[in-house]
């Protein structure tokens, strides 16, 4: 078991505790720190997954572990890393200039370029996750694999990939027209 597997619960407890303290004792400066902890954990998990090419996730729907390896794990690592980097940058920005990052995100919906950026981001992440699902299906072990569930996951991956491409193209059109 890698250190990253053991650290997830500690990170959730630590960051969640910081948010609780911030709300209980009126310490608003702790909120960006807690958000930053989640972001740094995302960066760490993304890098660790990319290096090892292996990640195991819990599937709530079927109460089974999903195992990703190879290219599918590395695509998930890219998603996790970029999300963690975005959360970390948001937290740093909120720490340095309180309310500036939130105001910037609110301004994005006021223009076509802002909506284009949002749609490009959503399309990119949907496309990557759809590709992961197309590659691995349900990602359960061979003993737990169900062909119907696997087809369902691959169909969902195809839908997510097509949706991601459409949203990405619409976002590009809005951003660069």
Protein backbone atom coordinates (compact mmCIF):
# COMPACT_ATOMS: atom_id res chain seq x y z
CA UNK A 1 0.00 0.00 0.00
CA UNK A 2 1.39 3.37 -1.04
CA UNK A 3 1.50 6.42 1.23
CA UNK A 4 -1.08 8.20 -0.93
CA UNK A 5 -3.62 5.47 -0.10
CA UNK A 6 -3.16 6.04 3.63
CA UNK A 7 -3.07 9.85 3.39
CA UNK A 8 -6.54 10.38 1.93
CA UNK A 9 -8.44 9.96 5.20
CA UNK A 10 -5.96 12.16 7.08
CA UNK A 11 -6.27 14.90 4.45
CA UNK A 12 -10.07 14.83 4.62
CA UNK A 13 -10.06 14.95 8.43
CA UNK A 14 -7.42 17.71 8.55
CA UNK A 15 -8.99 19.95 5.92
CA UNK A 16 -12.51 19.30 7.18
CA UNK A 17 -11.38 20.09 10.73
CA UNK A 18 -9.87 23.35 9.52
CA UNK A 19 -13.16 24.34 7.89
CA UNK A 20 -15.00 23.47 11.11
CA UNK A 21 -12.57 25.60 13.16
CA UNK A 22 -12.85 28.45 10.68
CA UNK A 23 -16.64 28.44 10.91
CA UNK A 24 -16.77 27.94 14.67
CA UNK A 25 -14.20 30.57 15.64
CA UNK A 26 -14.73 33.02 12.74
CA UNK A 27 -11.31 32.47 11.15
CA UNK A 28 -11.95 33.05 7.43
CA UNK A 29 -8.23 32.78 6.59
CA UNK A 30 -8.34 29.04 7.29
CA UNK A 31 -10.83 28.34 4.46
CA UNK A 32 -8.33 28.92 1.60
CA UNK A 33 -5.76 26.84 3.48
CA UNK A 34 -8.22 23.93 3.77
CA UNK A 35 -9.12 24.25 0.08
CA UNK A 36 -5.41 24.37 -0.75
CA UNK A 37 -4.82 21.15 1.20
CA UNK A 38 -7.39 19.38 -0.98
CA UNK A 39 -5.78 20.88 -4.10
CA UNK A 40 -2.26 19.81 -3.13
CA UNK A 41 -3.58 16.33 -2.37
CA UNK A 42 -5.11 16.25 -5.86
CA UNK A 43 -1.78 17.25 -7.40
CA UNK A 44 0.02 14.60 -5.34
CA UNK A 45 -2.52 11.91 -6.26
CA UNK A 46 -2.34 12.86 -9.94
CA UNK A 47 1.47 12.72 -10.04
CA UNK A 48 1.59 9.47 -8.04
CA UNK A 49 -1.00 7.84 -10.30
CA UNK A 50 0.78 9.00 -13.45
CA UNK A 51 4.15 7.68 -12.23
CA UNK A 52 2.84 4.30 -11.06
CA UNK A 53 0.21 3.89 -13.79
CA UNK A 54 -2.19 2.37 -11.28
CA UNK A 55 -5.15 3.59 -9.20
CA UNK A 56 -7.99 1.89 -7.34
CA UNK A 57 -11.28 3.69 -6.78
CA UNK A 58 -14.44 2.74 -4.92
CA UNK A 59 -17.57 2.36 -7.05
CA UNK A 60 -20.65 3.30 -5.00
CA UNK A 61 -23.17 1.93 -7.48
CA UNK A 62 -21.95 -1.67 -7.38
CA UNK A 63 -20.03 -1.54 -4.06
CA UNK A 64 -16.89 -2.80 -5.75
CA UNK A 65 -13.40 -1.50 -6.23
CA UNK A 66 -12.47 -0.28 -9.68
CA UNK A 67 -8.93 -0.87 -10.81
CA UNK A 68 -7.37 1.31 -13.47
CA UNK A 69 -3.93 0.67 -14.92
CA UNK A 70 -1.86 1.76 -17.88
CA UNK A 71 -3.24 4.42 -20.20
CA UNK A 72 -6.60 4.65 -18.39
CA UNK A 73 -4.89 5.33 -15.05
CA UNK A 74 -2.68 7.97 -16.66
CA UNK A 75 -5.70 9.69 -18.24
CA UNK A 76 -7.37 9.73 -14.81
CA UNK A 77 -4.11 11.08 -13.38
CA UNK A 78 -4.25 13.99 -15.83
CA UNK A 79 -7.84 14.75 -14.77
CA UNK A 80 -6.98 14.56 -11.06
CA UNK A 81 -3.77 16.59 -11.44
CA UNK A 82 -5.40 19.40 -13.43
CA UNK A 83 -8.33 19.57 -11.04
CA UNK A 84 -5.95 19.67 -8.06
CA UNK A 85 -3.86 22.37 -9.74
CA UNK A 86 -6.96 24.47 -10.40
CA UNK A 87 -8.18 24.11 -6.82
CA UNK A 88 -4.71 24.98 -5.49
CA UNK A 89 -4.45 28.07 -7.69
CA UNK A 90 -7.92 29.15 -6.57
CA UNK A 91 -6.94 28.69 -2.90
CA UNK A 92 -3.70 30.65 -3.31
CA UNK A 93 -5.53 33.44 -5.09
CA UNK A 94 -8.17 33.56 -2.34
CA UNK A 95 -5.40 33.63 0.29
CA UNK A 96 -3.50 36.48 -1.38
CA UNK A 97 -6.53 38.53 -2.48
CA UNK A 98 -9.68 37.50 -0.58
CA UNK A 99 -12.80 37.39 -2.79
CA UNK A 100 -10.82 38.16 -5.99
CA UNK A 101 -10.92 34.57 -7.29
CA UNK A 102 -14.63 34.25 -6.56
CA UNK A 103 -15.30 37.56 -8.32
CA UNK A 104 -13.30 36.39 -11.36
CA UNK A 105 -15.29 33.16 -11.56
CA UNK A 106 -18.54 35.11 -11.25
CA UNK A 107 -17.43 37.42 -14.09
CA UNK A 108 -16.85 34.44 -16.40
CA UNK A 109 -20.58 33.97 -16.91
CA UNK A 110 -21.02 37.59 -18.04
CA UNK A 111 -19.28 37.20 -21.39
CA UNK A 112 -19.13 34.83 -24.35
CA UNK A 113 -15.40 34.32 -23.79
CA UNK A 114 -16.05 33.36 -20.19
CA UNK A 115 -18.71 30.85 -21.19
CA UNK A 116 -16.35 29.57 -23.88
CA UNK A 117 -13.65 28.97 -21.26
CA UNK A 118 -16.11 27.17 -18.98
CA UNK A 119 -17.42 24.98 -21.82
CA UNK A 120 -13.91 24.17 -23.06
CA UNK A 121 -12.95 23.08 -19.54
CA UNK A 122 -16.08 20.96 -19.04
CA UNK A 123 -15.72 19.47 -22.52
CA UNK A 124 -12.07 18.59 -21.97
CA UNK A 125 -12.72 16.80 -18.68
CA UNK A 126 -15.81 15.02 -20.07
CA UNK A 127 -13.81 13.90 -23.10
CA UNK A 128 -10.97 12.51 -20.97
CA UNK A 129 -13.31 10.68 -18.60
CA UNK A 130 -15.31 9.31 -21.53
CA UNK A 131 -12.10 7.96 -23.07
CA UNK A 132 -11.23 6.27 -19.77
CA UNK A 133 -14.63 4.57 -19.67
CA UNK A 134 -14.37 3.53 -23.32
CA UNK A 135 -11.00 1.92 -22.63
CA UNK A 136 -11.78 0.05 -19.42
CA UNK A 137 -15.55 -0.24 -19.17
CA UNK A 138 -16.53 -0.92 -15.57
CA UNK A 139 -12.89 -1.46 -14.45
CA UNK A 140 -13.91 -4.21 -12.03
CA UNK A 141 -11.75 -7.28 -11.54
CA UNK A 142 -12.42 -10.19 -13.88
CA UNK A 143 -14.15 -12.14 -11.08
CA UNK A 144 -16.57 -9.25 -10.38
CA UNK A 145 -17.09 -8.15 -13.98
CA UNK A 146 -20.63 -8.18 -15.33
CA UNK A 147 -20.97 -7.94 -19.12
CA UNK A 148 -24.16 -5.88 -18.95
CA UNK A 149 -22.63 -3.38 -16.52
CA UNK A 150 -19.48 -3.29 -18.64
CA UNK A 151 -21.48 -2.47 -21.80
CA UNK A 152 -23.36 0.19 -19.83
CA UNK A 153 -20.14 1.81 -18.66
CA UNK A 154 -18.67 1.75 -22.17
CA UNK A 155 -21.88 3.27 -23.57
CA UNK A 156 -21.68 5.97 -20.92
CA UNK A 157 -18.07 6.53 -21.94
CA UNK A 158 -19.09 6.92 -25.58
CA UNK A 159 -21.83 9.39 -24.61
CA UNK A 160 -19.40 11.33 -22.40
CA UNK A 161 -16.81 11.44 -25.17
CA UNK A 162 -19.29 12.71 -27.76
CA UNK A 163 -20.73 15.20 -25.24
CA UNK A 164 -17.21 16.38 -24.38
CA UNK A 165 -16.33 16.94 -28.03
CA UNK A 166 -19.56 18.86 -28.70
CA UNK A 167 -19.17 21.03 -25.61
CA UNK A 168 -15.49 21.63 -26.41
CA UNK A 169 -16.33 22.75 -29.96
CA UNK A 170 -19.14 25.04 -28.76
CA UNK A 171 -16.80 26.51 -26.14
CA UNK A 172 -14.08 27.08 -28.72
CA UNK A 173 -16.57 28.80 -31.02
CA UNK A 174 -17.77 31.07 -28.19
CA UNK A 175 -14.25 31.88 -27.04
CA UNK A 176 -12.65 32.61 -30.39
CA UNK A 177 -15.46 34.15 -32.47
